[in-house]
PDB file of all heavy atoms in Angstrom:
ATOM      1  N   ILE A   1       3.021   5.884  -2.568  1.00  0.00           N
ATOM      2  CA  ILE A   1       2.311   7.137  -2.300  1.00  0.00           C
ATOM      3  C   ILE A   1       3.015   7.938  -1.196  1.00  0.00           C
ATOM      4  O   ILE A   1       2.923   9.164  -1.153  1.00  0.00           O
ATOM      5  CB  ILE A   1       0.836   6.838  -1.927  1.00  0.00           C
ATOM      6  CG1 ILE A   1       0.094   6.293  -3.157  1.00  0.00           C
ATOM      7  CG2 ILE A   1       0.106   8.077  -1.398  1.00  0.00           C
ATOM      8  CD1 ILE A   1      -1.271   5.705  -2.866  1.00  0.00           C
ATOM      9  N   GLY A   2       3.756   7.232  -0.305  1.00  0.00           N
ATOM     10  CA  GLY A   2       4.508   7.950   0.727  1.00  0.00           C
ATOM     11  C   GLY A   2       4.373   7.391   2.130  1.00  0.00           C
ATOM     12  O   GLY A   2       4.989   7.902   3.067  1.00  0.00           O
ATOM     13  N   PHE A   3       3.598   6.332   2.297  1.00  0.00           N
ATOM     14  CA  PHE A   3       3.377   5.752   3.625  1.00  0.00           C
ATOM     15  C   PHE A   3       4.438   4.701   3.945  1.00  0.00           C
ATOM     16  O   PHE A   3       5.110   4.177   3.054  1.00  0.00           O
ATOM     17  CB  PHE A   3       1.976   5.123   3.708  1.00  0.00           C
ATOM     18  CG  PHE A   3       0.874   6.125   3.563  1.00  0.00           C
ATOM     19  CD1 PHE A   3       0.307   6.385   2.326  1.00  0.00           C
ATOM     20  CD2 PHE A   3       0.422   6.849   4.660  1.00  0.00           C
ATOM     21  CE1 PHE A   3      -0.688   7.332   2.174  1.00  0.00           C
ATOM     22  CE2 PHE A   3      -0.579   7.795   4.534  1.00  0.00           C
ATOM     23  CZ  PHE A   3      -1.130   8.043   3.286  1.00  0.00           C
ATOM     24  N   SER A   4       4.579   4.403   5.224  1.00  0.00           N
ATOM     25  CA  SER A   4       5.462   3.312   5.640  1.00  0.00           C
ATOM     26  C   SER A   4       4.714   2.436   6.636  1.00  0.00           C
ATOM     27  O   SER A   4       3.619   2.792   7.104  1.00  0.00           O
ATOM     28  CB  SER A   4       6.767   3.856   6.241  1.00  0.00           C
ATOM     29  OG  SER A   4       6.486   4.778   7.280  1.00  0.00           O
ATOM     30  N   PHE A   5       5.320   1.295   6.985  1.00  0.00           N
ATOM     31  CA  PHE A   5       4.619   0.298   7.796  1.00  0.00           C
ATOM     32  C   PHE A   5       5.517  -0.295   8.870  1.00  0.00           C
ATOM     33  O   PHE A   5       6.731  -0.373   8.702  1.00  0.00           O
ATOM     34  CB  PHE A   5       4.114  -0.860   6.900  1.00  0.00           C
ATOM     35  CG  PHE A   5       3.100  -0.438   5.892  1.00  0.00           C
ATOM     36  CD1 PHE A   5       3.487  -0.090   4.603  1.00  0.00           C
ATOM     37  CD2 PHE A   5       1.756  -0.378   6.220  1.00  0.00           C
ATOM     38  CE1 PHE A   5       2.552   0.309   3.667  1.00  0.00           C
ATOM     39  CE2 PHE A   5       0.810   0.016   5.292  1.00  0.00           C
ATOM     40  CZ  PHE A   5       1.209   0.356   4.007  1.00  0.00           C
ATOM     41  N   GLU A   6       4.875  -0.716   9.940  1.00  0.00           N
ATOM     42  CA  GLU A   6       5.512  -1.592  10.925  1.00  0.00           C
ATOM     43  C   GLU A   6       4.737  -2.909  10.888  1.00  0.00           C
ATOM     44  O   GLU A   6       3.510  -2.912  11.012  1.00  0.00           O
ATOM     45  CB  GLU A   6       5.456  -0.980  12.330  1.00  0.00           C
ATOM     46  CG  GLU A   6       6.407   0.189  12.519  1.00  0.00           C
ATOM     47  CD  GLU A   6       6.263   0.839  13.890  1.00  0.00           C
ATOM     48  OE1 GLU A   6       5.381   0.396  14.670  1.00  0.00           O
ATOM     49  OE2 GLU A   6       7.007   1.795  14.174  1.00  0.00           O
ATOM     50  N   LYS A   7       5.462  -4.019  10.706  1.00  0.00           N
ATOM     51  CA  LYS A   7       4.789  -5.309  10.552  1.00  0.00           C
ATOM     52  C   LYS A   7       5.229  -6.292  11.624  1.00  0.00           C
ATOM     53  O   LYS A   7       6.394  -6.311  12.022  1.00  0.00           O
ATOM     54  CB  LYS A   7       5.124  -5.916   9.172  1.00  0.00           C
ATOM     55  CG  LYS A   7       4.681  -5.073   7.993  1.00  0.00           C
ATOM     56  CD  LYS A   7       5.095  -5.703   6.669  1.00  0.00           C
ATOM     57  CE  LYS A   7       4.716  -4.781   5.495  1.00  0.00           C
ATOM     58  NZ  LYS A   7       5.107  -5.345   4.183  1.00  0.00           N
ATOM     59  N   THR A   8       4.265  -7.102  12.103  1.00  0.00           N
ATOM     60  CA  THR A   8       4.588  -8.288  12.891  1.00  0.00           C
ATOM     61  C   THR A   8       3.973  -9.478  12.138  1.00  0.00           C
ATOM     62  O   THR A   8       3.424  -9.299  11.048  1.00  0.00           O
ATOM     63  CB  THR A   8       4.024  -8.225  14.321  1.00  0.00           C
ATOM     64  OG1 THR A   8       2.594  -8.342  14.259  1.00  0.00           O
ATOM     65  CG2 THR A   8       4.389  -6.913  15.010  1.00  0.00           C
ATOM     66  N   SER A   9       4.009 -10.657  12.729  1.00  0.00           N
ATOM     67  CA  SER A   9       3.510 -11.829  12.005  1.00  0.00           C
ATOM     68  C   SER A   9       2.019 -11.713  11.668  1.00  0.00           C
ATOM     69  O   SER A   9       1.575 -12.201  10.631  1.00  0.00           O
ATOM     70  CB  SER A   9       3.779 -13.102  12.798  1.00  0.00           C
ATOM     71  OG  SER A   9       3.227 -12.999  14.093  1.00  0.00           O
ATOM     72  N   HIS A  10       1.216 -11.076  12.541  1.00  0.00           N
ATOM     73  CA  HIS A  10      -0.228 -10.996  12.274  1.00  0.00           C
ATOM     74  C   HIS A  10      -0.793  -9.588  12.434  1.00  0.00           C
ATOM     75  O   HIS A  10      -2.007  -9.419  12.563  1.00  0.00           O
ATOM     76  CB  HIS A  10      -0.995 -11.955  13.188  1.00  0.00           C
ATOM     77  CG  HIS A  10      -0.698 -13.394  12.905  1.00  0.00           C
ATOM     78  ND1 HIS A  10      -1.056 -14.006  11.727  1.00  0.00           N
ATOM     79  CD2 HIS A  10      -0.054 -14.335  13.630  1.00  0.00           C
ATOM     80  CE1 HIS A  10      -0.651 -15.266  11.735  1.00  0.00           C
ATOM     81  NE2 HIS A  10      -0.037 -15.491  12.880  1.00  0.00           N
ATOM     82  N   SER A  11       0.077  -8.568  12.453  1.00  0.00           N
ATOM     83  CA  SER A  11      -0.435  -7.193  12.549  1.00  0.00           C
ATOM     84  C   SER A  11       0.315  -6.287  11.577  1.00  0.00           C
ATOM     85  O   SER A  11       1.404  -6.624  11.102  1.00  0.00           O
ATOM     86  CB  SER A  11      -0.315  -6.654  13.981  1.00  0.00           C
ATOM     87  OG  SER A  11       1.017  -6.276  14.262  1.00  0.00           O
ATOM     88  N   LEU A  12      -0.303  -5.149  11.304  1.00  0.00           N
ATOM     89  CA  LEU A  12       0.262  -4.198  10.348  1.00  0.00           C
ATOM     90  C   LEU A  12      -0.129  -2.792  10.790  1.00  0.00           C
ATOM     91  O   LEU A  12      -1.308  -2.501  10.964  1.00  0.00           O
ATOM     92  CB  LEU A  12      -0.302  -4.489   8.947  1.00  0.00           C
ATOM     93  CG  LEU A  12       0.147  -3.603   7.792  1.00  0.00           C
ATOM     94  CD1 LEU A  12       1.638  -3.753   7.540  1.00  0.00           C
ATOM     95  CD2 LEU A  12      -0.636  -3.964   6.529  1.00  0.00           C
ATOM     96  N   THR A  13       0.869  -1.933  10.998  1.00  0.00           N
ATOM     97  CA  THR A  13       0.603  -0.552  11.403  1.00  0.00           C
ATOM     98  C   THR A  13       0.984   0.387  10.274  1.00  0.00           C
ATOM     99  O   THR A  13       2.109   0.335   9.750  1.00  0.00           O
ATOM    100  CB  THR A  13       1.389  -0.181  12.677  1.00  0.00           C
ATOM    101  OG1 THR A  13       0.965  -1.038  13.749  1.00  0.00           O
ATOM    102  CG2 THR A  13       1.131   1.272  13.085  1.00  0.00           C
ATOM    103  N   LEU A  14       0.032   1.237   9.879  1.00  0.00           N
ATOM    104  CA  LEU A  14       0.261   2.260   8.858  1.00  0.00           C
ATOM    105  C   LEU A  14       0.835   3.500   9.524  1.00  0.00           C
ATOM    106  O   LEU A  14       0.288   3.978  10.527  1.00  0.00           O
ATOM    107  CB  LEU A  14      -1.070   2.602   8.175  1.00  0.00           C
ATOM    108  CG  LEU A  14      -1.050   3.733   7.143  1.00  0.00           C
ATOM    109  CD1 LEU A  14      -0.477   3.238   5.819  1.00  0.00           C
ATOM    110  CD2 LEU A  14      -2.461   4.294   6.916  1.00  0.00           C
ATOM    111  N   LEU A  15       1.942   4.018   8.980  1.00  0.00           N
ATOM    112  CA  LEU A  15       2.564   5.238   9.512  1.00  0.00           C
ATOM    113  C   LEU A  15       2.337   6.381   8.526  1.00  0.00           C
ATOM    114  O   LEU A  15       2.425   6.181   7.307  1.00  0.00           O
ATOM    115  CB  LEU A  15       4.063   5.018   9.741  1.00  0.00           C
ATOM    116  CG  LEU A  15       4.403   3.850  10.687  1.00  0.00           C
ATOM    117  CD1 LEU A  15       5.895   3.590  10.714  1.00  0.00           C
ATOM    118  CD2 LEU A  15       3.873   4.122  12.094  1.00  0.00           C
ATOM    119  N   PRO A  16       2.040   7.589   9.034  1.00  0.00           N
ATOM    120  CA  PRO A  16       1.664   8.704   8.148  1.00  0.00           C
ATOM    121  C   PRO A  16       2.757   9.067   7.141  1.00  0.00           C
ATOM    122  O   PRO A  16       3.937   8.770   7.339  1.00  0.00           O
ATOM    123  CB  PRO A  16       1.403   9.858   9.122  1.00  0.00           C
ATOM    124  CG  PRO A  16       1.123   9.198  10.426  1.00  0.00           C
ATOM    125  CD  PRO A  16       1.945   7.958  10.447  1.00  0.00           C
ATOM    126  N   ALA A  17       2.326   9.719   6.057  1.00  0.00           N
ATOM    127  CA  ALA A  17       3.241  10.167   4.996  1.00  0.00           C
ATOM    128  C   ALA A  17       3.525  11.656   5.139  1.00  0.00           C
ATOM    129  O   ALA A  17       2.687  12.407   5.655  1.00  0.00           O
ATOM    130  CB  ALA A  17       2.605   9.889   3.635  1.00  0.00           C
ATOM    131  N   LYS A  18       4.708  12.093   4.679  1.00  0.00           N
ATOM    132  CA  LYS A  18       5.009  13.539   4.653  1.00  0.00           C
ATOM    133  C   LYS A  18       4.233  14.212   3.524  1.00  0.00           C
ATOM    134  O   LYS A  18       3.696  15.300   3.667  1.00  0.00           O
ATOM    135  CB  LYS A  18       6.517  13.755   4.468  1.00  0.00           C
ATOM    136  CG  LYS A  18       7.359  13.368   5.682  1.00  0.00           C
ATOM    137  CD  LYS A  18       8.820  13.775   5.482  1.00  0.00           C
ATOM    138  CE  LYS A  18       9.632  13.535   6.743  1.00  0.00           C
ATOM    139  NZ  LYS A  18       9.781  12.112   7.082  1.00  0.00           N
ATOM    140  N   HIS A  19       4.200  13.565   2.380  1.00  0.00           N
ATOM    141  CA  HIS A  19       3.416  14.035   1.225  1.00  0.00           C
ATOM    142  C   HIS A  19       2.699  12.841   0.630  1.00  0.00           C
ATOM    143  O   HIS A  19       3.217  11.724   0.672  1.00  0.00           O
ATOM    144  CB  HIS A  19       4.321  14.646   0.142  1.00  0.00           C
ATOM    145  CG  HIS A  19       5.159  15.789   0.626  1.00  0.00           C
ATOM    146  ND1 HIS A  19       4.640  17.040   0.840  1.00  0.00           N
ATOM    147  CD2 HIS A  19       6.476  15.851   0.943  1.00  0.00           C
ATOM    148  CE1 HIS A  19       5.607  17.833   1.274  1.00  0.00           C
ATOM    149  NE2 HIS A  19       6.728  17.138   1.353  1.00  0.00           N
ATOM    150  N   LEU A  20       1.532  13.088   0.023  1.00  0.00           N
ATOM    151  CA  LEU A  20       0.815  12.014  -0.671  1.00  0.00           C
ATOM    152  C   LEU A  20       1.080  12.153  -2.169  1.00  0.00           C
ATOM    153  O   LEU A  20       0.571  13.061  -2.822  1.00  0.00           O
ATOM    154  CB  LEU A  20      -0.690  12.082  -0.375  1.00  0.00           C
ATOM    155  CG  LEU A  20      -1.174  11.303   0.856  1.00  0.00           C
ATOM    156  CD1 LEU A  20      -0.548  11.817   2.128  1.00  0.00           C
ATOM    157  CD2 LEU A  20      -2.688  11.343   0.960  1.00  0.00           C
ATOM    158  N   ASN A  21       1.936  11.261  -2.699  1.00  0.00           N
ATOM    159  CA  ASN A  21       2.314  11.322  -4.107  1.00  0.00           C
ATOM    160  C   ASN A  21       1.229  10.717  -4.987  1.00  0.00           C
ATOM    161  O   ASN A  21       0.574   9.747  -4.594  1.00  0.00           O
ATOM    162  CB  ASN A  21       3.613  10.534  -4.339  1.00  0.00           C
ATOM    163  CG  ASN A  21       4.740  11.014  -3.456  1.00  0.00           C
ATOM    164  OD1 ASN A  21       4.994  12.210  -3.373  1.00  0.00           O
ATOM    165  ND2 ASN A  21       5.416  10.093  -2.787  1.00  0.00           N
ATOM    166  N   PRO A  22       1.042  11.262  -6.199  1.00  0.00           N
ATOM    167  CA  PRO A  22       0.097  10.637  -7.133  1.00  0.00           C
ATOM    168  C   PRO A  22       0.639   9.284  -7.589  1.00  0.00           C
ATOM    169  O   PRO A  22       1.818   8.969  -7.405  1.00  0.00           O
ATOM    170  CB  PRO A  22       0.016  11.638  -8.285  1.00  0.00           C
ATOM    171  CG  PRO A  22       1.316  12.379  -8.234  1.00  0.00           C
ATOM    172  CD  PRO A  22       1.717  12.428  -6.790  1.00  0.00           C
ATOM    173  N   PHE A  23      -0.213   8.477  -8.215  1.00  0.00           N
ATOM    174  CA  PHE A  23       0.187   7.103  -8.543  1.00  0.00           C
ATOM    175  C   PHE A  23      -0.540   6.617  -9.789  1.00  0.00           C
ATOM    176  O   PHE A  23      -1.501   7.233 -10.253  1.00  0.00           O
ATOM    177  CB  PHE A  23      -0.127   6.170  -7.366  1.00  0.00           C
ATOM    178  CG  PHE A  23      -1.578   6.180  -6.954  1.00  0.00           C
ATOM    179  CD1 PHE A  23      -2.504   5.335  -7.561  1.00  0.00           C
ATOM    180  CD2 PHE A  23      -2.032   7.069  -5.972  1.00  0.00           C
ATOM    181  CE1 PHE A  23      -3.837   5.364  -7.198  1.00  0.00           C
ATOM    182  CE2 PHE A  23      -3.379   7.101  -5.599  1.00  0.00           C
ATOM    183  CZ  PHE A  23      -4.279   6.247  -6.222  1.00  0.00           C
ATOM    184  N   GLU A  24      -0.056   5.497 -10.301  1.00  0.00           N
ATOM    185  CA  GLU A  24      -0.738   4.806 -11.402  1.00  0.00           C
ATOM    186  C   GLU A  24      -1.017   3.375 -10.976  1.00  0.00           C
ATOM    187  O   GLU A  24      -0.198   2.745 -10.314  1.00  0.00           O
ATOM    188  CB  GLU A  24       0.133   4.806 -12.668  1.00  0.00           C
ATOM    189  CG  GLU A  24       0.272   6.184 -13.282  1.00  0.00           C
ATOM    190  CD  GLU A  24       0.990   6.151 -14.629  1.00  0.00           C
ATOM    191  OE1 GLU A  24       1.252   5.035 -15.138  1.00  0.00           O
ATOM    192  OE2 GLU A  24       1.291   7.244 -15.157  1.00  0.00           O
ATOM    193  N   ILE A  25      -2.208   2.889 -11.348  1.00  0.00           N
ATOM    194  CA  ILE A  25      -2.607   1.519 -11.012  1.00  0.00           C
ATOM    195  C   ILE A  25      -3.138   0.842 -12.267  1.00  0.00           C
ATOM    196  O   ILE A  25      -3.894   1.450 -13.044  1.00  0.00           O
ATOM    197  CB  ILE A  25      -3.714   1.509  -9.919  1.00  0.00           C
ATOM    198  CG1 ILE A  25      -3.115   1.728  -8.530  1.00  0.00           C
ATOM    199  CG2 ILE A  25      -4.520   0.213  -9.953  1.00  0.00           C
ATOM    200  CD1 ILE A  25      -4.154   1.898  -7.441  1.00  0.00           C
ATOM    201  N   ILE A  26      -2.735  -0.407 -12.463  1.00  0.00           N
ATOM    202  CA  ILE A  26      -3.381  -1.274 -13.450  1.00  0.00           C
ATOM    203  C   ILE A  26      -3.886  -2.487 -12.680  1.00  0.00           C
ATOM    204  O   ILE A  26      -3.107  -3.190 -12.027  1.00  0.00           O
ATOM    205  CB  ILE A  26      -2.395  -1.729 -14.549  1.00  0.00           C
ATOM    206  CG1 ILE A  26      -1.859  -0.516 -15.317  1.00  0.00           C
ATOM    207  CG2 ILE A  26      -3.067  -2.713 -15.493  1.00  0.00           C
ATOM    208  CD1 ILE A  26      -0.739  -0.848 -16.293  1.00  0.00           C
ATOM    209  N   THR A  27      -5.190  -2.725 -12.711  1.00  0.00           N
ATOM    210  CA  THR A  27      -5.730  -3.881 -11.979  1.00  0.00           C
ATOM    211  C   THR A  27      -5.447  -5.150 -12.769  1.00  0.00           C
ATOM    212  O   THR A  27      -5.635  -5.199 -13.988  1.00  0.00           O
ATOM    213  CB  THR A  27      -7.253  -3.761 -11.750  1.00  0.00           C
ATOM    214  OG1 THR A  27      -7.924  -3.781 -13.008  1.00  0.00           O
ATOM    215  CG2 THR A  27      -7.594  -2.477 -11.012  1.00  0.00           C
ATOM    216  N   THR A  28      -4.958  -6.155 -12.068  1.00  0.00           N
ATOM    217  CA  THR A  28      -4.697  -7.457 -12.695  1.00  0.00           C
ATOM    218  C   THR A  28      -5.014  -8.558 -11.682  1.00  0.00           C
ATOM    219  O   THR A  28      -5.314  -8.281 -10.517  1.00  0.00           O
ATOM    220  CB  THR A  28      -3.222  -7.613 -13.126  1.00  0.00           C
ATOM    221  OG1 THR A  28      -2.382  -7.404 -11.988  1.00  0.00           O
ATOM    222  CG2 THR A  28      -2.835  -6.653 -14.223  1.00  0.00           C
ATOM    223  N   GLU A  29      -4.916  -9.786 -12.136  1.00  0.00           N
ATOM    224  CA  GLU A  29      -5.149 -10.920 -11.246  1.00  0.00           C
ATOM    225  C   GLU A  29      -4.039 -10.990 -10.191  1.00  0.00           C
ATOM    226  O   GLU A  29      -2.954 -10.453 -10.379  1.00  0.00           O
ATOM    227  CB  GLU A  29      -5.186 -12.238 -12.045  1.00  0.00           C
ATOM    228  CG  GLU A  29      -6.337 -12.339 -13.030  1.00  0.00           C
ATOM    229  CD  GLU A  29      -6.047 -11.719 -14.384  1.00  0.00           C
ATOM    230  OE1 GLU A  29      -4.931 -11.166 -14.579  1.00  0.00           O
ATOM    231  OE2 GLU A  29      -6.923 -11.775 -15.268  1.00  0.00           O
ATOM    232  N   TYR A  30      -4.313 -11.677  -9.090  1.00  0.00           N
ATOM    233  CA  TYR A  30      -3.330 -11.888  -8.030  1.00  0.00           C
ATOM    234  C   TYR A  30      -2.094 -12.571  -8.625  1.00  0.00           C
ATOM    235  O   TYR A  30      -2.229 -13.461  -9.446  1.00  0.00           O
ATOM    236  CB  TYR A  30      -3.945 -12.771  -6.936  1.00  0.00           C
ATOM    237  CG  TYR A  30      -3.098 -12.900  -5.700  1.00  0.00           C
ATOM    238  CD1 TYR A  30      -3.176 -11.958  -4.695  1.00  0.00           C
ATOM    239  CD2 TYR A  30      -2.211 -13.959  -5.557  1.00  0.00           C
ATOM    240  CE1 TYR A  30      -2.394 -12.074  -3.556  1.00  0.00           C
ATOM    241  CE2 TYR A  30      -1.419 -14.079  -4.429  1.00  0.00           C
ATOM    242  CZ  TYR A  30      -1.520 -13.124  -3.427  1.00  0.00           C
ATOM    243  OH  TYR A  30      -0.729 -13.236  -2.302  1.00  0.00           O
ATOM    244  N   PRO A  31      -0.881 -12.158  -8.273  1.00  0.00           N
ATOM    245  CA  PRO A  31      -0.518 -11.243  -7.178  1.00  0.00           C
ATOM    246  C   PRO A  31      -0.458  -9.768  -7.564  1.00  0.00           C
ATOM    247  O   PRO A  31       0.152  -8.974  -6.862  1.00  0.00           O
ATOM    248  CB  PRO A  31       0.870 -11.757  -6.780  1.00  0.00           C
ATOM    249  CG  PRO A  31       1.453 -12.254  -8.061  1.00  0.00           C
ATOM    250  CD  PRO A  31       0.316 -12.798  -8.872  1.00  0.00           C
ATOM    251  N   GLY A  32      -1.082  -9.387  -8.693  1.00  0.00           N
ATOM    252  CA  GLY A  32      -1.118  -7.982  -9.094  1.00  0.00           C
ATOM    253  C   GLY A  32      -2.083  -7.174  -8.250  1.00  0.00           C
ATOM    254  O   GLY A  32      -2.627  -7.660  -7.255  1.00  0.00           O
ATOM    255  N   PHE A  33      -2.320  -5.926  -8.657  1.00  0.00           N
ATOM    256  CA  PHE A  33      -3.179  -5.036  -7.866  1.00  0.00           C
ATOM    257  C   PHE A  33      -4.648  -5.465  -8.025  1.00  0.00           C
ATOM    258  O   PHE A  33      -5.151  -5.583  -9.147  1.00  0.00           O
ATOM    259  CB  PHE A  33      -3.012  -3.582  -8.304  1.00  0.00           C
ATOM    260  CG  PHE A  33      -3.686  -2.632  -7.358  1.00  0.00           C
ATOM    261  CD1 PHE A  33      -3.006  -2.114  -6.266  1.00  0.00           C
ATOM    262  CD2 PHE A  33      -5.029  -2.283  -7.521  1.00  0.00           C
ATOM    263  CE1 PHE A  33      -3.636  -1.268  -5.365  1.00  0.00           C
ATOM    264  CE2 PHE A  33      -5.668  -1.448  -6.621  1.00  0.00           C
ATOM    265  CZ  PHE A  33      -4.962  -0.935  -5.534  1.00  0.00           C
ATOM    266  N   PRO A  34      -5.355  -5.696  -6.905  1.00  0.00           N
ATOM    267  CA  PRO A  34      -6.712  -6.263  -7.001  1.00  0.00           C
ATOM    268  C   PRO A  34      -7.765  -5.258  -7.486  1.00  0.00           C
ATOM    269  O   PRO A  34      -7.807  -4.120  -7.033  1.00  0.00           O
ATOM    270  CB  PRO A  34      -7.011  -6.704  -5.561  1.00  0.00           C
ATOM    271  CG  PRO A  34      -6.092  -5.904  -4.697  1.00  0.00           C
ATOM    272  CD  PRO A  34      -4.887  -5.569  -5.519  1.00  0.00           C
ATOM    273  N   THR A  35      -8.599  -5.721  -8.397  1.00  0.00           N
ATOM    274  CA  THR A  35      -9.709  -4.889  -8.877  1.00  0.00           C
ATOM    275  C   THR A  35     -10.624  -4.472  -7.724  1.00  0.00           C
ATOM    276  O   THR A  35     -11.226  -3.397  -7.759  1.00  0.00           O
ATOM    277  CB  THR A  35     -10.504  -5.630  -9.977  1.00  0.00           C
ATOM    278  OG1 THR A  35     -11.564  -4.790 -10.437  1.00  0.00           O
ATOM    279  CG2 THR A  35     -11.095  -6.939  -9.482  1.00  0.00           C
ATOM    280  N   ASP A  36     -10.705  -5.315  -6.685  1.00  0.00           N
ATOM    281  CA  ASP A  36     -11.574  -5.006  -5.543  1.00  0.00           C
ATOM    282  C   ASP A  36     -11.047  -3.863  -4.675  1.00  0.00           C
ATOM    283  O   ASP A  36     -11.707  -3.453  -3.725  1.00  0.00           O
ATOM    284  CB  ASP A  36     -11.770  -6.254  -4.664  1.00  0.00           C
ATOM    285  CG  ASP A  36     -12.837  -7.191  -5.225  1.00  0.00           C
ATOM    286  OD1 ASP A  36     -13.509  -6.808  -6.199  1.00  0.00           O
ATOM    287  OD2 ASP A  36     -12.989  -8.299  -4.692  1.00  0.00           O
TER     288      ASP A  36
END
């Protein structure tokens, strides 16, 4: 969608996007995209 991240072993920082791109999702079982 356009976001980026900074990760450590137990933390995650979301960094803003320049544009929010549209997307497609198909929900599937793990490790796929979660229905929840």
